[in-house]
C-alpha atoms as a PDB file:
ATOM      1  CA  UNK A   1      22.636 105.767  61.515  1.00  0.00           C
ATOM      2  CA  UNK A   2      25.617 105.038  63.623  1.00  0.00           C
ATOM      3  CA  UNK A   3      24.713 103.812  67.044  1.00  0.00           C
ATOM      4  CA  UNK A   4      27.574 104.509  69.428  1.00  0.00           C
ATOM      5  CA  UNK A   5      28.350 101.576  72.075  1.00  0.00           C
ATOM      6  CA  UNK A   6      30.352 103.743  74.401  1.00  0.00           C
ATOM      7  CA  UNK A   7      32.380 107.156  73.878  1.00  0.00           C
ATOM      8  CA  UNK A   8      34.975 108.903  75.815  1.00  0.00           C
ATOM      9  CA  UNK A   9      35.373 112.555  75.527  1.00  0.00           C
ATOM     10  CA  UNK A  10      39.342 113.611  75.514  1.00  0.00           C
ATOM     11  CA  UNK A  11      40.977 116.844  75.341  1.00  0.00           C
ATOM     12  CA  UNK A  12      44.131 118.035  73.862  1.00  0.00           C
ATOM     13  CA  UNK A  13      45.178 121.463  75.078  1.00  0.00           C
ATOM     14  CA  UNK A  14      46.987 123.566  72.425  1.00  0.00           C
ATOM     15  CA  UNK A  15      49.525 125.336  74.647  1.00  0.00           C
ATOM     16  CA  UNK A  16      50.827 128.932  74.213  1.00  0.00           C
ATOM     17  CA  UNK A  17      53.114 129.540  72.306  1.00  0.00           C
ATOM     18  CA  UNK A  18      52.420 127.087  69.908  1.00  0.00           C
ATOM     19  CA  UNK A  19      54.390 127.028  66.582  1.00  0.00           C
ATOM     20  CA  UNK A  20      53.758 125.950  63.265  1.00  0.00           C
ATOM     21  CA  UNK A  21      54.465 122.281  62.367  1.00  0.00           C
ATOM     22  CA  UNK A  22      55.245 121.227  65.953  1.00  0.00           C
ATOM     23  CA  UNK A  23      53.373 118.300  67.357  1.00  0.00           C
ATOM     24  CA  UNK A  24      51.080 118.535  70.303  1.00  0.00           C
ATOM     25  CA  UNK A  25      50.946 114.956  72.073  1.00  0.00           C
ATOM     26  CA  UNK A  26      47.953 113.565  73.459  1.00  0.00           C
ATOM     27  CA  UNK A  27      48.171 112.316  77.418  1.00  0.00           C
ATOM     28  CA  UNK A  28      47.482 108.284  77.898  1.00  0.00           C
ATOM     29  CA  UNK A  29      43.954 107.696  77.646  1.00  0.00           C
ATOM     30  CA  UNK A  30      43.397 104.960  80.203  1.00  0.00           C
ATOM     31  CA  UNK A  31      39.565 104.251  79.193  1.00  0.00           C
ATOM     32  CA  UNK A  32      40.788 103.748  75.813  1.00  0.00           C
ATOM     33  CA  UNK A  33      43.983 101.306  76.223  1.00  0.00           C
ATOM     34  CA  UNK A  34      43.865  98.432  74.139  1.00  0.00           C
ATOM     35  CA  UNK A  35      43.242  95.954  76.697  1.00  0.00           C
ATOM     36  CA  UNK A  36      41.768  97.093  79.886  1.00  0.00           C
ATOM     37  CA  UNK A  37      41.345  94.277  82.585  1.00  0.00           C
ATOM     38  CA  UNK A  38      39.259  91.665  80.876  1.00  0.00           C
ATOM     39  CA  UNK A  39      38.247  93.905  77.994  1.00  0.00           C
ATOM     40  CA  UNK A  40      39.808  94.338  74.350  1.00  0.00           C
ATOM     41  CA  UNK A  41      38.867  97.927  73.176  1.00  0.00           C
ATOM     42  CA  UNK A  42      38.217  98.993  69.413  1.00  0.00           C
ATOM     43  CA  UNK A  43      38.149 102.443  68.417  1.00  0.00           C
ATOM     44  CA  UNK A  44      35.165 102.798  65.833  1.00  0.00           C
ATOM     45  CA  UNK A  45      34.923 106.507  65.348  1.00  0.00           C
ATOM     46  CA  UNK A  46      36.056 109.956  66.230  1.00  0.00           C
ATOM     47  CA  UNK A  47      34.846 113.343  66.059  1.00  0.00           C
ATOM     48  CA  UNK A  48      36.087 116.906  66.759  1.00  0.00           C
ATOM     49  CA  UNK A  49      34.357 120.256  67.702  1.00  0.00           C
ATOM     50  CA  UNK A  50      34.653 123.788  66.400  1.00  0.00           C
ATOM     51  CA  UNK A  51      33.104 126.540  68.490  1.00  0.00           C
ATOM     52  CA  UNK A  52      29.711 126.442  66.440  1.00  0.00           C
ATOM     53  CA  UNK A  53      29.162 122.912  68.044  1.00  0.00           C
ATOM     54  CA  UNK A  54      30.488 123.606  71.313  1.00  0.00           C
ATOM     55  CA  UNK A  55      31.219 126.571  72.891  1.00  0.00           C
ATOM     56  CA  UNK A  56      33.870 125.853  75.413  1.00  0.00           C
ATOM     57  CA  UNK A  57      35.580 123.002  76.901  1.00  0.00           C
ATOM     58  CA  UNK A  58      33.466 120.798  79.851  1.00  0.00           C
ATOM     59  CA  UNK A  59      37.047 119.376  81.008  1.00  0.00           C
ATOM     60  CA  UNK A  60      39.124 122.821  81.558  1.00  0.00           C
ATOM     61  CA  UNK A  61      37.033 125.450  82.565  1.00  0.00           C
ATOM     62  CA  UNK A  62      37.425 128.821  80.548  1.00  0.00           C
ATOM     63  CA  UNK A  63      39.216 127.052  77.646  1.00  0.00           C
ATOM     64  CA  UNK A  64      37.616 127.890  74.582  1.00  0.00           C
ATOM     65  CA  UNK A  65      37.285 125.542  71.511  1.00  0.00           C
ATOM     66  CA  UNK A  66      39.043 125.945  68.168  1.00  0.00           C
ATOM     67  CA  UNK A  67      37.288 128.321  65.781  1.00  0.00           C
ATOM     68  CA  UNK A  68      36.947 127.228  61.902  1.00  0.00           C
ATOM     69  CA  UNK A  69      39.952 128.602  61.076  1.00  0.00           C
ATOM     70  CA  UNK A  70      41.928 127.068  63.533  1.00  0.00           C
ATOM     71  CA  UNK A  71      40.292 123.656  62.687  1.00  0.00           C
ATOM     72  CA  UNK A  72      41.238 123.897  58.984  1.00  0.00           C
ATOM     73  CA  UNK A  73      44.850 124.483  60.455  1.00  0.00           C
ATOM     74  CA  UNK A  74      45.312 121.240  62.154  1.00  0.00           C
ATOM     75  CA  UNK A  75      45.718 117.837  61.478  1.00  0.00           C
ATOM     76  CA  UNK A  76      45.511 114.612  63.583  1.00  0.00           C
ATOM     77  CA  UNK A  77      48.097 111.647  63.385  1.00  0.00           C
ATOM     78  CA  UNK A  78      47.458 108.417  65.228  1.00  0.00           C
ATOM     79  CA  UNK A  79      50.042 105.900  66.146  1.00  0.00           C
ATOM     80  CA  UNK A  80      48.721 102.314  65.786  1.00  0.00           C
ATOM     81  CA  UNK A  81      50.696  99.488  67.052  1.00  0.00           C
ATOM     82  CA  UNK A  82      54.056 101.332  66.782  1.00  0.00           C
ATOM     83  CA  UNK A  83      53.396 102.923  63.339  1.00  0.00           C
ATOM     84  CA  UNK A  84      52.040 106.229  62.188  1.00  0.00           C
ATOM     85  CA  UNK A  85      49.143 104.286  60.282  1.00  0.00           C
ATOM     86  CA  UNK A  86      46.965 107.286  60.142  1.00  0.00           C
ATOM     87  CA  UNK A  87      49.018 110.182  59.379  1.00  0.00           C
ATOM     88  CA  UNK A  88      47.835 113.988  59.017  1.00  0.00           C
ATOM     89  CA  UNK A  89      44.111 113.422  59.160  1.00  0.00           C
ATOM     90  CA  UNK A  90      42.841 116.979  58.373  1.00  0.00           C
ATOM     91  CA  UNK A  91      40.852 118.137  61.334  1.00  0.00           C
ATOM     92  CA  UNK A  92      37.927 119.497  59.348  1.00  0.00           C
ATOM     93  CA  UNK A  93      37.152 115.869  58.183  1.00  0.00           C
ATOM     94  CA  UNK A  94      36.603 115.259  62.007  1.00  0.00           C
ATOM     95  CA  UNK A  95      33.964 118.109  62.576  1.00  0.00           C
ATOM     96  CA  UNK A  96      30.592 117.063  62.299  1.00  0.00           C
ATOM     97  CA  UNK A  97      28.701 120.158  62.930  1.00  0.00           C
ATOM     98  CA  UNK A  98      29.254 123.192  60.327  1.00  0.00           C
ATOM     99  CA  UNK A  99      27.662 126.282  59.619  1.00  0.00           C
ATOM    100  CA  UNK A 100      27.977 128.481  56.539  1.00  0.00           C
ATOM    101  CA  UNK A 101      26.343 131.934  56.043  1.00  0.00           C
ATOM    102  CA  UNK A 102      27.233 133.113  59.618  1.00  0.00           C
ATOM    103  CA  UNK A 103      28.173 136.486  58.343  1.00  0.00           C
ATOM    104  CA  UNK A 104      25.205 136.940  56.325  1.00  0.00           C
ATOM    105  CA  UNK A 105      22.581 136.161  58.818  1.00  0.00           C
ATOM    106  CA  UNK A 106      21.192 133.316  57.093  1.00  0.00           C
ATOM    107  CA  UNK A 107      22.613 130.187  58.617  1.00  0.00           C
ATOM    108  CA  UNK A 108      22.531 126.679  57.201  1.00  0.00           C
ATOM    109  CA  UNK A 109      23.860 123.679  59.723  1.00  0.00           C
ATOM    110  CA  UNK A 110      25.103 120.648  57.802  1.00  0.00           C
ATOM    111  CA  UNK A 111      25.956 117.449  60.034  1.00  0.00           C
ATOM    112  CA  UNK A 112      28.128 115.134  58.649  1.00  0.00           C
ATOM    113  CA  UNK A 113      28.684 111.232  59.063  1.00  0.00           C
ATOM    114  CA  UNK A 114      31.324 110.348  62.041  1.00  0.00           C
ATOM    115  CA  UNK A 115      35.054 109.697  60.783  1.00  0.00           C
ATOM    116  CA  UNK A 116      34.799 105.787  61.159  1.00  0.00           C
ATOM    117  CA  UNK A 117      37.162 103.058  61.500  1.00  0.00           C
ATOM    118  CA  UNK A 118      37.132  99.339  61.129  1.00  0.00           C
ATOM    119  CA  UNK A 119      38.522  97.483  64.267  1.00  0.00           C
ATOM    120  CA  UNK A 120      41.105 100.027  65.269  1.00  0.00           C
ATOM    121  CA  UNK A 121      43.067  98.463  67.702  1.00  0.00           C
ATOM    122  CA  UNK A 122      46.375  99.339  69.815  1.00  0.00           C
ATOM    123  CA  UNK A 123      46.297 103.015  69.553  1.00  0.00           C
ATOM    124  CA  UNK A 124      49.148 104.549  71.512  1.00  0.00           C
ATOM    125  CA  UNK A 125      47.790 107.934  72.672  1.00  0.00           C
ATOM    126  CA  UNK A 126      51.080 109.196  73.883  1.00  0.00           C
ATOM    127  CA  UNK A 127      52.470 108.930  70.413  1.00  0.00           C
ATOM    128  CA  UNK A 128      49.485 110.394  68.546  1.00  0.00           C
ATOM    129  CA  UNK A 129      49.260 114.022  68.167  1.00  0.00           C
ATOM    130  CA  UNK A 130      47.798 117.113  66.465  1.00  0.00           C
ATOM    131  CA  UNK A 131      49.850 119.150  64.373  1.00  0.00           C
ATOM    132  CA  UNK A 132      49.234 122.985  63.490  1.00  0.00           C
ATOM    133  CA  UNK A 133      49.919 123.875  59.770  1.00  0.00           C
ATOM    134  CA  UNK A 134      50.684 127.236  60.182  1.00  0.00           C
ATOM    135  CA  UNK A 135      50.773 129.634  63.196  1.00  0.00           C
ATOM    136  CA  UNK A 136      47.627 129.575  65.318  1.00  0.00           C
ATOM    137  CA  UNK A 137      44.915 131.905  64.209  1.00  0.00           C
ATOM    138  CA  UNK A 138      43.189 132.008  67.537  1.00  0.00           C
ATOM    139  CA  UNK A 139      45.374 132.872  70.629  1.00  0.00           C
ATOM    140  CA  UNK A 140      46.333 129.838  72.472  1.00  0.00           C
ATOM    141  CA  UNK A 141      45.693 127.958  74.733  1.00  0.00           C
ATOM    142  CA  UNK A 142      42.418 126.356  73.572  1.00  0.00           C
ATOM    143  CA  UNK A 143      41.078 122.712  73.931  1.00  0.00           C
ATOM    144  CA  UNK A 144      40.686 120.413  70.916  1.00  0.00           C
ATOM    145  CA  UNK A 145      38.030 118.047  72.054  1.00  0.00           C
ATOM    146  CA  UNK A 146      37.701 114.393  70.479  1.00  0.00           C
ATOM    147  CA  UNK A 147      34.780 112.339  71.085  1.00  0.00           C
ATOM    148  CA  UNK A 148      36.096 108.765  70.642  1.00  0.00           C
ATOM    149  CA  UNK A 149      33.461 105.941  69.767  1.00  0.00           C
ATOM    150  CA  UNK A 150      34.394 102.694  70.945  1.00  0.00           C
ATOM    151  CA  UNK A 151      33.383  99.292  71.612  1.00  0.00           C
ATOM    152  CA  UNK A 152      34.927  96.207  73.884  1.00  0.00           C
ATOM    153  CA  UNK A 153      34.940  92.537  73.803  1.00  0.00           C
ATOM    154  CA  UNK A 154      35.673  89.971  76.272  1.00  0.00           C
ATOM    155  CA  UNK A 155      39.436  88.804  76.492  1.00  0.00           C
ATOM    156  CA  UNK A 156      39.323  85.172  75.955  1.00  0.00           C
ATOM    157  CA  UNK A 157      42.335  82.995  77.691  1.00  0.00           C
ATOM    158  CA  UNK A 158      44.949  80.927  75.901  1.00  0.00           C
END
């Protein structure tokens, strides 16, 4: 079982209008900077949420989170140290809580492992983005929420 040392919930709002194959970039994430004060930040894992796992955004009141049909219509690309090291990760692989049988009334929930990284360092959030594959299924705006798990180490002098 994964034990998170620290986590940060970040939000990326898919705006209206949103077009297919157009990237939506993250804002700067100061808590997740590669070096913050005397600490070096390593990203260990990331997850996102559908409307089964979270009913709406706790960061932007009134914004819904994506439905399953929206989740399978998006990918995540992370810029690491100036390169697109993680390109077009299907957002569905980042969702940990899925339910099937909602239409039949017999719901089976599934909880998956966290999408993990090994010593992921120097993520440039302002050059990282979510991309819709096709036109949005639900009407934007809606909030893509990412719970980013990280650890830090003290930076030693040269």
